[in-house]
Amino acid sequence: MKLDFHDIVFPIVFGIAAIFFFVIGLRGLLIKRPFLISQRWFLSIMFAVFIPTILQSFFLRLPSGFNLINWLNPLVFGFILLTMCYQMRGYTAYAVTDTSFREALIEVLQKLQLPYEESLSLIRLTSIEADLQVSVQGWMGTGQIKVKQRAHGSVLREIVKAMNDHFRISSVPTNMIICVFLLIMGGFMVMFAIGILFIPSTF
């Protein structure tokens, strides 16, 4: 049975994605506390998923001349990756609630002596003129935090570290829906990988 590019690379990609989903999901369920990680980890998974598709379009199909249909696939996926690189900055919180995320952030800002002005989805750090962009999906158990001005990335890292410390030592309400969801997604990724390996493409 001869395996082509699709049959070899995509099981590896799905396996990497499954490991990521399992690690995040199990971490939340085992420690039973919220935590934040850089969105660069998820962005790396997206690169692992999309890059093989782009390479396959370029190097295996080798379109002769200019054909819009042949080039549309890599162009679309390339544009999606560039958009993600811009959008997926900052950090994602897992297993949080609206209350636990906000209280941790406010406590940390006070602890770090960072005066702030709060508005809808934006917290202005007045002493350093930085804007924290915050969103929480309490029903799912996730939240995002990033700083609008990239020059203040070190301040954001300090805030995130302090929030993780707060979650580690404090008893706060949690929402584990996202952790369960990621474990299920990891299971699907494993099934996709096995399916591709044992039912190779005939295209």
N, C-alpha and C. Protein backbone atom coordinates (compact mmCIF):
# COMPACT_ATOMS: atom_id res chain seq x y z
N MET A 1 0.85 -1.20 0.00
CA MET A 1 0.00 0.00 0.00
C MET A 1 0.88 1.25 0.00
N LYS A 2 0.78 2.03 -1.04
CA LYS A 2 1.60 3.21 -1.20
C LYS A 2 0.93 4.42 -0.56
N LEU A 3 1.69 5.13 0.28
CA LEU A 3 1.17 6.32 0.95
C LEU A 3 1.70 7.57 0.25
N ASP A 4 0.82 8.52 0.00
CA ASP A 4 1.25 9.76 -0.62
C ASP A 4 1.49 10.84 0.44
N PHE A 5 1.78 12.04 -0.02
CA PHE A 5 2.06 13.18 0.88
C PHE A 5 0.93 13.38 1.89
N HIS A 6 -0.30 13.35 1.40
CA HIS A 6 -1.48 13.56 2.23
C HIS A 6 -1.56 12.52 3.34
N ASP A 7 -1.27 11.25 3.00
CA ASP A 7 -1.42 10.15 3.95
C ASP A 7 -0.34 10.16 5.02
N ILE A 8 0.79 10.80 4.76
CA ILE A 8 1.89 10.83 5.72
C ILE A 8 1.85 12.08 6.59
N VAL A 9 1.69 13.23 5.96
CA VAL A 9 1.81 14.50 6.68
C VAL A 9 0.60 14.78 7.56
N PHE A 10 -0.59 14.56 7.03
CA PHE A 10 -1.78 14.96 7.78
C PHE A 10 -1.99 14.17 9.07
N PRO A 11 -1.69 12.87 9.15
CA PRO A 11 -1.75 12.21 10.45
C PRO A 11 -0.80 12.83 11.47
N ILE A 12 0.38 13.26 11.01
CA ILE A 12 1.32 13.93 11.91
C ILE A 12 0.74 15.24 12.42
N VAL A 13 0.14 16.01 11.50
CA VAL A 13 -0.46 17.29 11.86
C VAL A 13 -1.58 17.09 12.87
N PHE A 14 -2.48 16.13 12.59
CA PHE A 14 -3.58 15.86 13.50
C PHE A 14 -3.06 15.36 14.85
N GLY A 15 -1.97 14.60 14.82
CA GLY A 15 -1.39 14.11 16.07
C GLY A 15 -0.85 15.24 16.92
N ILE A 16 -0.18 16.20 16.28
CA ILE A 16 0.34 17.37 17.01
C ILE A 16 -0.80 18.17 17.62
N ALA A 17 -1.86 18.40 16.83
CA ALA A 17 -3.02 19.13 17.33
C ALA A 17 -3.66 18.39 18.50
N ALA A 18 -3.76 17.07 18.40
CA ALA A 18 -4.36 16.27 19.47
C ALA A 18 -3.57 16.40 20.77
N ILE A 19 -2.24 16.37 20.66
CA ILE A 19 -1.40 16.52 21.85
C ILE A 19 -1.66 17.86 22.52
N PHE A 20 -1.73 18.92 21.71
CA PHE A 20 -1.99 20.26 22.26
C PHE A 20 -3.33 20.29 22.98
N PHE A 21 -4.38 19.77 22.34
CA PHE A 21 -5.70 19.78 22.95
C PHE A 21 -5.74 18.96 24.23
N PHE A 22 -5.08 17.79 24.21
CA PHE A 22 -5.06 16.94 25.40
C PHE A 22 -4.32 17.61 26.56
N VAL A 23 -3.19 18.24 26.26
CA VAL A 23 -2.40 18.88 27.31
C VAL A 23 -3.20 19.99 27.99
N ILE A 24 -3.81 20.87 27.18
CA ILE A 24 -4.57 21.99 27.75
C ILE A 24 -5.80 21.47 28.50
N GLY A 25 -6.54 20.54 27.89
CA GLY A 25 -7.74 20.02 28.54
C GLY A 25 -7.44 19.30 29.84
N LEU A 26 -6.43 18.43 29.82
CA LEU A 26 -6.09 17.68 31.03
C LEU A 26 -5.52 18.58 32.12
N ARG A 27 -4.76 19.59 31.71
CA ARG A 27 -4.20 20.50 32.71
C ARG A 27 -5.32 21.17 33.51
N GLY A 28 -6.33 21.67 32.80
CA GLY A 28 -7.43 22.32 33.50
C GLY A 28 -8.18 21.36 34.40
N LEU A 29 -8.47 20.16 33.91
CA LEU A 29 -9.26 19.21 34.68
C LEU A 29 -8.49 18.66 35.88
N LEU A 30 -7.17 18.54 35.73
CA LEU A 30 -6.37 17.96 36.81
C LEU A 30 -6.04 18.97 37.91
N ILE A 31 -5.66 20.19 37.51
CA ILE A 31 -5.32 21.18 38.54
C ILE A 31 -6.55 21.90 39.06
N LYS A 32 -7.63 21.85 38.28
CA LYS A 32 -8.91 22.46 38.69
C LYS A 32 -8.75 23.94 39.05
N ARG A 33 -7.92 24.62 38.28
CA ARG A 33 -7.72 26.06 38.46
C ARG A 33 -7.57 26.72 37.09
N PRO A 34 -7.97 27.97 36.97
CA PRO A 34 -7.75 28.69 35.71
C PRO A 34 -6.27 28.91 35.46
N PHE A 35 -5.90 29.15 34.22
CA PHE A 35 -4.52 29.46 33.86
C PHE A 35 -4.51 30.18 32.53
N LEU A 36 -3.44 30.90 32.27
CA LEU A 36 -3.27 31.63 31.01
C LEU A 36 -2.03 31.13 30.30
N ILE A 37 -2.12 31.02 28.97
CA ILE A 37 -0.95 30.69 28.16
C ILE A 37 -0.94 31.62 26.95
N SER A 38 0.23 31.75 26.34
CA SER A 38 0.37 32.61 25.17
C SER A 38 -0.41 32.04 24.00
N GLN A 39 -1.05 32.93 23.23
CA GLN A 39 -1.77 32.49 22.04
C GLN A 39 -0.84 32.02 20.93
N ARG A 40 0.47 32.24 21.12
CA ARG A 40 1.42 31.76 20.13
C ARG A 40 1.39 30.24 20.02
N TRP A 41 1.05 29.56 21.12
CA TRP A 41 0.97 28.10 21.08
C TRP A 41 -0.12 27.66 20.11
N PHE A 42 -1.30 28.28 20.22
CA PHE A 42 -2.39 27.93 19.32
C PHE A 42 -2.06 28.34 17.89
N LEU A 43 -1.38 29.49 17.74
CA LEU A 43 -0.98 29.93 16.41
C LEU A 43 -0.03 28.92 15.77
N SER A 44 0.86 28.35 16.57
CA SER A 44 1.78 27.33 16.05
C SER A 44 1.03 26.12 15.52
N ILE A 45 -0.05 25.75 16.23
CA ILE A 45 -0.87 24.63 15.77
C ILE A 45 -1.52 24.97 14.43
N MET A 46 -1.98 26.21 14.30
CA MET A 46 -2.60 26.62 13.04
C MET A 46 -1.59 26.58 11.89
N PHE A 47 -0.36 26.96 12.17
CA PHE A 47 0.69 26.87 11.15
C PHE A 47 0.91 25.40 10.76
N ALA A 48 0.92 24.53 11.77
CA ALA A 48 1.14 23.11 11.49
C ALA A 48 0.02 22.53 10.64
N VAL A 49 -1.20 23.06 10.81
CA VAL A 49 -2.35 22.58 10.05
C VAL A 49 -2.35 23.11 8.63
N PHE A 50 -2.06 24.41 8.48
CA PHE A 50 -2.21 25.05 7.17
C PHE A 50 -1.00 24.92 6.27
N ILE A 51 0.20 24.92 6.83
CA ILE A 51 1.41 24.90 6.01
C ILE A 51 1.47 23.67 5.09
N PRO A 52 1.16 22.45 5.57
CA PRO A 52 1.18 21.30 4.65
C PRO A 52 0.22 21.46 3.48
N THR A 53 -0.94 22.06 3.75
CA THR A 53 -1.91 22.28 2.67
C THR A 53 -1.35 23.24 1.63
N ILE A 54 -0.69 24.29 2.10
CA ILE A 54 -0.10 25.26 1.18
C ILE A 54 1.04 24.62 0.38
N LEU A 55 1.90 23.86 1.06
CA LEU A 55 3.01 23.22 0.38
C LEU A 55 2.51 22.19 -0.63
N GLN A 56 1.46 21.47 -0.25
CA GLN A 56 0.91 20.48 -1.18
C GLN A 56 0.42 21.14 -2.46
N SER A 57 -0.21 22.30 -2.31
CA SER A 57 -0.71 23.01 -3.49
C SER A 57 0.42 23.49 -4.39
N PHE A 58 1.53 23.94 -3.75
CA PHE A 58 2.63 24.49 -4.53
C PHE A 58 3.49 23.41 -5.19
N PHE A 59 3.84 22.38 -4.43
CA PHE A 59 4.88 21.47 -4.87
C PHE A 59 4.38 20.14 -5.44
N LEU A 60 3.14 19.78 -5.14
CA LEU A 60 2.66 18.50 -5.65
C LEU A 60 1.77 18.65 -6.86
N ARG A 61 1.01 19.72 -6.90
CA ARG A 61 0.13 19.91 -8.06
C ARG A 61 0.83 20.70 -9.17
N LEU A 62 1.79 21.52 -8.79
CA LEU A 62 2.61 22.25 -9.74
C LEU A 62 1.80 22.78 -10.93
N PRO A 63 0.93 23.74 -10.69
CA PRO A 63 0.11 24.25 -11.79
C PRO A 63 0.97 24.85 -12.90
N SER A 64 0.61 24.51 -14.14
CA SER A 64 1.36 25.05 -15.27
C SER A 64 0.75 26.38 -15.68
N GLY A 65 1.57 27.42 -15.69
CA GLY A 65 1.06 28.74 -16.03
C GLY A 65 0.22 29.30 -14.89
N PHE A 66 -0.51 30.32 -15.19
CA PHE A 66 -1.35 30.95 -14.17
C PHE A 66 -2.77 30.46 -14.31
N ASN A 67 -3.23 29.79 -13.27
CA ASN A 67 -4.60 29.31 -13.21
C ASN A 67 -5.16 29.70 -11.85
N LEU A 68 -6.14 30.59 -11.84
CA LEU A 68 -6.66 31.15 -10.60
C LEU A 68 -7.14 30.07 -9.64
N ILE A 69 -7.81 29.05 -10.16
CA ILE A 69 -8.35 27.99 -9.31
C ILE A 69 -7.22 27.24 -8.61
N ASN A 70 -6.15 26.93 -9.34
CA ASN A 70 -5.03 26.19 -8.76
C ASN A 70 -4.30 26.99 -7.68
N TRP A 71 -4.23 28.30 -7.86
CA TRP A 71 -3.50 29.14 -6.91
C TRP A 71 -4.39 29.68 -5.79
N LEU A 72 -5.70 29.53 -5.92
CA LEU A 72 -6.60 30.11 -4.93
C LEU A 72 -6.44 29.45 -3.56
N ASN A 73 -6.25 28.14 -3.53
CA ASN A 73 -6.14 27.43 -2.26
C ASN A 73 -4.98 27.94 -1.41
N PRO A 74 -3.73 27.96 -1.91
CA PRO A 74 -2.64 28.47 -1.08
C PRO A 74 -2.78 29.95 -0.75
N LEU A 75 -3.36 30.73 -1.67
CA LEU A 75 -3.54 32.16 -1.39
C LEU A 75 -4.52 32.38 -0.24
N VAL A 76 -5.60 31.62 -0.23
CA VAL A 76 -6.60 31.76 0.84
C VAL A 76 -6.01 31.34 2.17
N PHE A 77 -5.36 30.19 2.22
CA PHE A 77 -4.79 29.71 3.47
C PHE A 77 -3.65 30.62 3.94
N GLY A 78 -2.88 31.15 3.00
CA GLY A 78 -1.84 32.10 3.38
C GLY A 78 -2.41 33.36 3.98
N PHE A 79 -3.50 33.84 3.41
CA PHE A 79 -4.16 35.04 3.95
C PHE A 79 -4.72 34.77 5.34
N ILE A 80 -5.29 33.58 5.55
CA ILE A 80 -5.81 33.21 6.87
C ILE A 80 -4.70 33.21 7.91
N LEU A 81 -3.54 32.67 7.54
CA LEU A 81 -2.41 32.64 8.48
C LEU A 81 -1.93 34.04 8.83
N LEU A 82 -1.84 34.90 7.83
CA LEU A 82 -1.41 36.27 8.08
C LEU A 82 -2.41 36.98 9.00
N THR A 83 -3.69 36.75 8.78
CA THR A 83 -4.72 37.35 9.63
C THR A 83 -4.59 36.85 11.06
N MET A 84 -4.34 35.56 11.21
CA MET A 84 -4.19 34.99 12.55
C MET A 84 -2.96 35.56 13.26
N CYS A 85 -1.88 35.76 12.50
CA CYS A 85 -0.67 36.34 13.10
C CYS A 85 -0.96 37.71 13.70
N TYR A 86 -1.83 38.45 13.05
CA TYR A 86 -2.19 39.79 13.55
C TYR A 86 -3.18 39.70 14.71
N GLN A 87 -4.16 38.82 14.57
CA GLN A 87 -5.23 38.74 15.57
C GLN A 87 -4.81 38.02 16.84
N MET A 88 -4.03 36.96 16.69
CA MET A 88 -3.75 36.09 17.83
C MET A 88 -2.50 36.53 18.58
N ARG A 89 -2.59 37.72 19.14
CA ARG A 89 -1.55 38.22 20.02
C ARG A 89 -2.06 38.13 21.46
N GLY A 90 -1.16 38.19 22.40
CA GLY A 90 -1.60 38.18 23.78
C GLY A 90 -1.73 36.78 24.35
N TYR A 91 -2.66 36.62 25.30
CA TYR A 91 -2.77 35.39 26.07
C TYR A 91 -4.23 34.95 26.16
N THR A 92 -4.41 33.63 26.27
CA THR A 92 -5.73 33.06 26.45
C THR A 92 -5.84 32.45 27.83
N ALA A 93 -6.95 32.71 28.50
CA ALA A 93 -7.22 32.11 29.81
C ALA A 93 -8.17 30.94 29.63
N TYR A 94 -7.91 29.87 30.35
CA TYR A 94 -8.76 28.69 30.30
C TYR A 94 -9.36 28.41 31.68
N ALA A 95 -10.57 27.85 31.68
CA ALA A 95 -11.28 27.44 32.90
C ALA A 95 -11.69 28.63 33.77
N VAL A 96 -11.81 29.81 33.19
CA VAL A 96 -12.19 30.99 33.96
C VAL A 96 -13.70 31.23 33.88
N THR A 97 -14.17 32.07 34.78
CA THR A 97 -15.51 32.63 34.70
C THR A 97 -15.37 34.14 34.53
N ASP A 98 -16.47 34.80 34.23
CA ASP A 98 -16.42 36.27 34.13
C ASP A 98 -15.89 36.87 35.42
N THR A 99 -16.37 36.34 36.55
CA THR A 99 -16.00 36.89 37.85
C THR A 99 -14.54 36.61 38.19
N SER A 100 -14.11 35.35 38.03
CA SER A 100 -12.75 35.00 38.42
C SER A 100 -11.71 35.73 37.58
N PHE A 101 -11.99 35.89 36.28
CA PHE A 101 -11.04 36.58 35.40
C PHE A 101 -10.93 38.05 35.77
N ARG A 102 -12.07 38.72 35.92
CA ARG A 102 -12.04 40.15 36.21
C ARG A 102 -11.43 40.43 37.57
N GLU A 103 -11.81 39.65 38.59
CA GLU A 103 -11.28 39.89 39.93
C GLU A 103 -9.77 39.66 39.97
N ALA A 104 -9.29 38.64 39.26
CA ALA A 104 -7.85 38.39 39.23
C ALA A 104 -7.12 39.54 38.56
N LEU A 105 -7.65 40.02 37.45
CA LEU A 105 -7.00 41.11 36.72
C LEU A 105 -6.96 42.38 37.56
N ILE A 106 -8.06 42.75 38.17
CA ILE A 106 -8.11 43.97 38.97
C ILE A 106 -7.17 43.87 40.17
N GLU A 107 -7.16 42.71 40.82
CA GLU A 107 -6.26 42.53 41.97
C GLU A 107 -4.80 42.65 41.56
N VAL A 108 -4.46 42.08 40.41
CA VAL A 108 -3.09 42.14 39.93
C VAL A 108 -2.68 43.57 39.59
N LEU A 109 -3.56 44.31 38.93
CA LEU A 109 -3.25 45.70 38.59
C LEU A 109 -3.01 46.53 39.86
N GLN A 110 -3.80 46.28 40.88
CA GLN A 110 -3.60 46.99 42.14
C GLN A 110 -2.30 46.57 42.80
N LYS A 111 -1.99 45.29 42.75
CA LYS A 111 -0.76 44.78 43.34
C LYS A 111 0.47 45.35 42.64
N LEU A 112 0.39 45.46 41.32
CA LEU A 112 1.52 46.00 40.54
C LEU A 112 1.54 47.52 40.51
N GLN A 113 0.58 48.13 41.21
CA GLN A 113 0.48 49.59 41.30
C GLN A 113 0.38 50.22 39.91
N LEU A 114 -0.56 49.67 39.14
CA LEU A 114 -0.84 50.18 37.81
C LEU A 114 -2.24 50.81 37.82
N PRO A 115 -2.34 52.13 37.99
CA PRO A 115 -3.65 52.77 37.98
C PRO A 115 -4.32 52.58 36.62
N TYR A 116 -5.64 52.46 36.63
CA TYR A 116 -6.34 52.13 35.40
C TYR A 116 -7.70 52.82 35.32
N GLU A 117 -8.17 52.91 34.11
CA GLU A 117 -9.53 53.37 33.83
C GLU A 117 -10.21 52.27 33.02
N GLU A 118 -11.37 51.84 33.48
CA GLU A 118 -12.04 50.70 32.88
C GLU A 118 -13.21 51.14 32.02
N SER A 119 -13.27 50.58 30.81
CA SER A 119 -14.41 50.80 29.92
C SER A 119 -14.76 49.47 29.28
N LEU A 120 -15.73 49.45 28.39
CA LEU A 120 -16.18 48.22 27.78
C LEU A 120 -15.05 47.56 26.99
N SER A 121 -14.62 46.38 27.43
CA SER A 121 -13.59 45.55 26.79
C SER A 121 -12.21 46.22 26.71
N LEU A 122 -12.02 47.32 27.45
CA LEU A 122 -10.74 48.02 27.41
C LEU A 122 -10.38 48.54 28.79
N ILE A 123 -9.13 48.32 29.18
CA ILE A 123 -8.63 48.85 30.43
C ILE A 123 -7.41 49.71 30.11
N ARG A 124 -7.53 50.98 30.41
CA ARG A 124 -6.47 51.94 30.13
C ARG A 124 -5.54 52.04 31.33
N LEU A 125 -4.27 51.68 31.13
CA LEU A 125 -3.27 51.83 32.19
C LEU A 125 -2.72 53.24 32.09
N THR A 126 -3.24 54.11 32.92
CA THR A 126 -2.98 55.55 32.76
C THR A 126 -1.54 55.95 33.02
N SER A 127 -0.86 55.23 33.87
CA SER A 127 0.51 55.64 34.22
C SER A 127 1.50 55.38 33.10
N ILE A 128 1.20 54.40 32.22
CA ILE A 128 2.13 54.09 31.13
C ILE A 128 1.45 54.27 29.76
N GLU A 129 0.22 54.74 29.77
CA GLU A 129 -0.54 54.98 28.53
C GLU A 129 -0.59 53.73 27.65
N ALA A 130 -1.02 52.65 28.28
CA ALA A 130 -1.18 51.38 27.57
C ALA A 130 -2.64 50.93 27.66
N ASP A 131 -3.11 50.26 26.63
CA ASP A 131 -4.49 49.79 26.58
C ASP A 131 -4.52 48.27 26.60
N LEU A 132 -5.15 47.72 27.63
CA LEU A 132 -5.37 46.28 27.69
C LEU A 132 -6.71 45.97 27.05
N GLN A 133 -6.67 45.11 26.04
CA GLN A 133 -7.90 44.66 25.39
C GLN A 133 -8.30 43.33 26.00
N VAL A 134 -9.47 43.29 26.59
CA VAL A 134 -9.91 42.14 27.37
C VAL A 134 -11.26 41.65 26.86
N SER A 135 -11.40 40.35 26.74
CA SER A 135 -12.69 39.75 26.42
C SER A 135 -12.79 38.42 27.16
N VAL A 136 -13.99 38.14 27.64
CA VAL A 136 -14.23 36.90 28.40
C VAL A 136 -15.47 36.22 27.84
N GLN A 137 -15.34 34.93 27.57
CA GLN A 137 -16.48 34.11 27.17
C GLN A 137 -16.79 33.18 28.33
N GLY A 138 -17.46 33.74 29.33
CA GLY A 138 -17.70 33.02 30.58
C GLY A 138 -18.45 31.72 30.40
N TRP A 139 -19.37 31.66 29.44
CA TRP A 139 -20.15 30.44 29.22
C TRP A 139 -19.27 29.29 28.74
N MET A 140 -18.16 29.63 28.06
CA MET A 140 -17.25 28.62 27.54
C MET A 140 -16.06 28.39 28.46
N GLY A 141 -15.77 29.36 29.32
CA GLY A 141 -14.64 29.22 30.24
C GLY A 141 -13.34 29.76 29.70
N THR A 142 -13.41 30.68 28.75
CA THR A 142 -12.18 31.24 28.17
C THR A 142 -12.18 32.77 28.28
N GLY A 143 -10.99 33.32 28.17
CA GLY A 143 -10.83 34.77 28.13
C GLY A 143 -9.57 35.11 27.37
N GLN A 144 -9.50 36.32 26.87
CA GLN A 144 -8.31 36.79 26.15
C GLN A 144 -7.88 38.14 26.70
N ILE A 145 -6.58 38.33 26.74
CA ILE A 145 -6.04 39.61 27.15
C ILE A 145 -4.81 39.92 26.30
N LYS A 146 -4.75 41.12 25.77
CA LYS A 146 -3.59 41.57 25.00
C LYS A 146 -3.44 43.06 25.18
N VAL A 147 -2.25 43.56 24.87
CA VAL A 147 -1.99 44.98 24.98
C VAL A 147 -1.95 45.57 23.57
N LYS A 148 -2.63 46.67 23.38
CA LYS A 148 -2.74 47.27 22.06
C LYS A 148 -1.40 47.76 21.56
N GLN A 149 -0.61 48.37 22.45
CA GLN A 149 0.70 48.89 22.07
C GLN A 149 1.77 47.81 22.31
N ARG A 150 2.37 47.33 21.25
CA ARG A 150 3.32 46.22 21.38
C ARG A 150 4.54 46.59 22.22
N ALA A 151 4.82 47.85 22.33
CA ALA A 151 5.97 48.28 23.13
C ALA A 151 5.81 47.91 24.59
N HIS A 152 4.57 47.66 25.01
CA HIS A 152 4.30 47.32 26.42
C HIS A 152 4.10 45.82 26.61
N GLY A 153 4.68 45.03 25.73
CA GLY A 153 4.56 43.58 25.85
C GLY A 153 5.12 43.04 27.15
N SER A 154 6.18 43.65 27.66
CA SER A 154 6.78 43.19 28.92
C SER A 154 5.83 43.41 30.09
N VAL A 155 5.06 44.51 30.03
CA VAL A 155 4.08 44.78 31.09
C VAL A 155 2.99 43.72 31.06
N LEU A 156 2.54 43.36 29.85
CA LEU A 156 1.52 42.33 29.72
C LEU A 156 2.03 41.00 30.27
N ARG A 157 3.26 40.66 29.98
CA ARG A 157 3.81 39.40 30.50
C ARG A 157 3.85 39.41 32.02
N GLU A 158 4.18 40.54 32.60
CA GLU A 158 4.21 40.66 34.06
C GLU A 158 2.81 40.50 34.64
N ILE A 159 1.83 41.09 33.98
CA ILE A 159 0.44 40.97 34.44
C ILE A 159 -0.03 39.52 34.36
N VAL A 160 0.26 38.86 33.24
CA VAL A 160 -0.16 37.48 33.06
C VAL A 160 0.50 36.57 34.08
N LYS A 161 1.78 36.77 34.33
CA LYS A 161 2.48 35.96 35.33
C LYS A 161 1.83 36.13 36.70
N ALA A 162 1.51 37.38 37.04
CA ALA A 162 0.88 37.65 38.33
C ALA A 162 -0.52 37.02 38.41
N MET A 163 -1.25 37.03 37.29
CA MET A 163 -2.57 36.40 37.27
C MET A 163 -2.46 34.89 37.44
N ASN A 164 -1.48 34.27 36.79
CA ASN A 164 -1.28 32.83 36.98
C ASN A 164 -0.92 32.51 38.43
N ASP A 165 -0.09 33.35 39.04
CA ASP A 165 0.25 33.17 40.45
C ASP A 165 -1.00 33.29 41.31
N HIS A 166 -1.84 34.27 40.99
CA HIS A 166 -3.09 34.46 41.73
C HIS A 166 -3.98 33.23 41.64
N PHE A 167 -4.15 32.70 40.44
CA PHE A 167 -4.99 31.52 40.26
C PHE A 167 -4.41 30.30 40.96
N ARG A 168 -3.08 30.22 41.00
CA ARG A 168 -2.44 29.06 41.60
C ARG A 168 -2.63 29.00 43.11
N ILE A 169 -2.68 30.15 43.77
CA ILE A 169 -2.74 30.16 45.24
C ILE A 169 -4.13 30.52 45.78
N SER A 170 -5.04 30.91 44.90
CA SER A 170 -6.35 31.36 45.37
C SER A 170 -7.44 30.37 44.96
N SER A 171 -8.47 30.33 45.76
CA SER A 171 -9.64 29.52 45.44
C SER A 171 -10.64 30.39 44.68
N VAL A 172 -10.82 30.10 43.41
CA VAL A 172 -11.69 30.93 42.57
C VAL A 172 -12.67 30.03 41.83
N PRO A 173 -13.82 30.56 41.42
CA PRO A 173 -14.76 29.77 40.61
C PRO A 173 -14.17 29.43 39.26
N THR A 174 -14.50 28.27 38.74
CA THR A 174 -13.96 27.81 37.46
C THR A 174 -15.09 27.35 36.54
N ASN A 175 -14.75 27.28 35.26
CA ASN A 175 -15.67 26.72 34.26
C ASN A 175 -14.85 25.80 33.37
N MET A 176 -15.08 24.51 33.47
CA MET A 176 -14.26 23.51 32.78
C MET A 176 -14.80 23.10 31.42
N ILE A 177 -15.81 23.81 30.91
CA ILE A 177 -16.40 23.42 29.63
C ILE A 177 -15.35 23.40 28.53
N ILE A 178 -14.48 24.43 28.47
CA ILE A 178 -13.47 24.48 27.43
C ILE A 178 -12.50 23.31 27.52
N CYS A 179 -12.19 22.87 28.74
CA CYS A 179 -11.25 21.76 28.92
C CYS A 179 -11.86 20.46 28.40
N VAL A 180 -13.14 20.24 28.70
CA VAL A 180 -13.83 19.06 28.19
C VAL A 180 -13.92 19.13 26.67
N PHE A 181 -14.24 20.29 26.14
CA PHE A 181 -14.34 20.49 24.70
C PHE A 181 -13.01 20.15 24.01
N LEU A 182 -11.89 20.61 24.59
CA LEU A 182 -10.59 20.35 23.98
C LEU A 182 -10.23 18.87 24.02
N LEU A 183 -10.61 18.18 25.08
CA LEU A 183 -10.36 16.74 25.13
C LEU A 183 -11.15 16.02 24.04
N ILE A 184 -12.39 16.43 23.83
CA ILE A 184 -13.20 15.83 22.76
C ILE A 184 -12.57 16.12 21.40
N MET A 185 -12.12 17.37 21.20
CA MET A 185 -11.47 17.72 19.95
C MET A 185 -10.20 16.90 19.74
N GLY A 186 -9.44 16.70 20.82
CA GLY A 186 -8.25 15.87 20.72
C GLY A 186 -8.58 14.45 20.29
N GLY A 187 -9.69 13.92 20.82
CA GLY A 187 -10.13 12.59 20.41
C GLY A 187 -10.48 12.53 18.94
N PHE A 188 -11.15 13.57 18.44
CA PHE A 188 -11.47 13.63 17.01
C PHE A 188 -10.19 13.69 16.17
N MET A 189 -9.20 14.46 16.63
CA MET A 189 -7.95 14.56 15.89
C MET A 189 -7.27 13.19 15.78
N VAL A 190 -7.30 12.43 16.87
CA VAL A 190 -6.71 11.09 16.85
C VAL A 190 -7.46 10.20 15.86
N MET A 191 -8.78 10.28 15.87
CA MET A 191 -9.58 9.47 14.94
C MET A 191 -9.30 9.84 13.49
N PHE A 192 -9.16 11.16 13.22
CA PHE A 192 -8.83 11.59 11.86
C PHE A 192 -7.48 11.01 11.43
N ALA A 193 -6.49 11.09 12.35
CA ALA A 193 -5.15 10.60 12.02
C ALA A 193 -5.18 9.10 11.72
N ILE A 194 -5.89 8.34 12.55
CA ILE A 194 -5.99 6.89 12.34
C ILE A 194 -6.73 6.59 11.04
N GLY A 195 -7.80 7.35 10.79
CA GLY A 195 -8.56 7.14 9.57
C GLY A 195 -7.73 7.36 8.32
N ILE A 196 -6.90 8.40 8.32
CA ILE A 196 -6.07 8.69 7.15
C ILE A 196 -5.00 7.61 6.97
N LEU A 197 -4.43 7.11 8.08
CA LEU A 197 -3.38 6.10 8.00
C LEU A 197 -3.91 4.77 7.47
N PHE A 198 -5.09 4.37 7.91
CA PHE A 198 -5.60 3.05 7.56
C PHE A 198 -6.60 3.07 6.41
N ILE A 199 -7.06 4.30 6.05
CA ILE A 199 -7.92 4.41 4.87
C ILE A 199 -7.29 5.47 3.96
N PRO A 200 -6.15 5.18 3.36
CA PRO A 200 -5.42 6.19 2.57
C PRO A 200 -6.24 6.74 1.43
N SER A 201 -5.93 7.98 1.08
CA SER A 201 -6.67 8.65 0.01
C SER A 201 -6.44 7.95 -1.32
N THR A 202 -7.48 7.94 -2.13
CA THR A 202 -7.36 7.34 -3.46
C THR A 202 -7.24 8.40 -4.54
N PHE A 203 -7.17 9.70 -4.11
CA PHE A 203 -7.09 10.78 -5.09
C PHE A 203 -5.70 10.90 -5.64
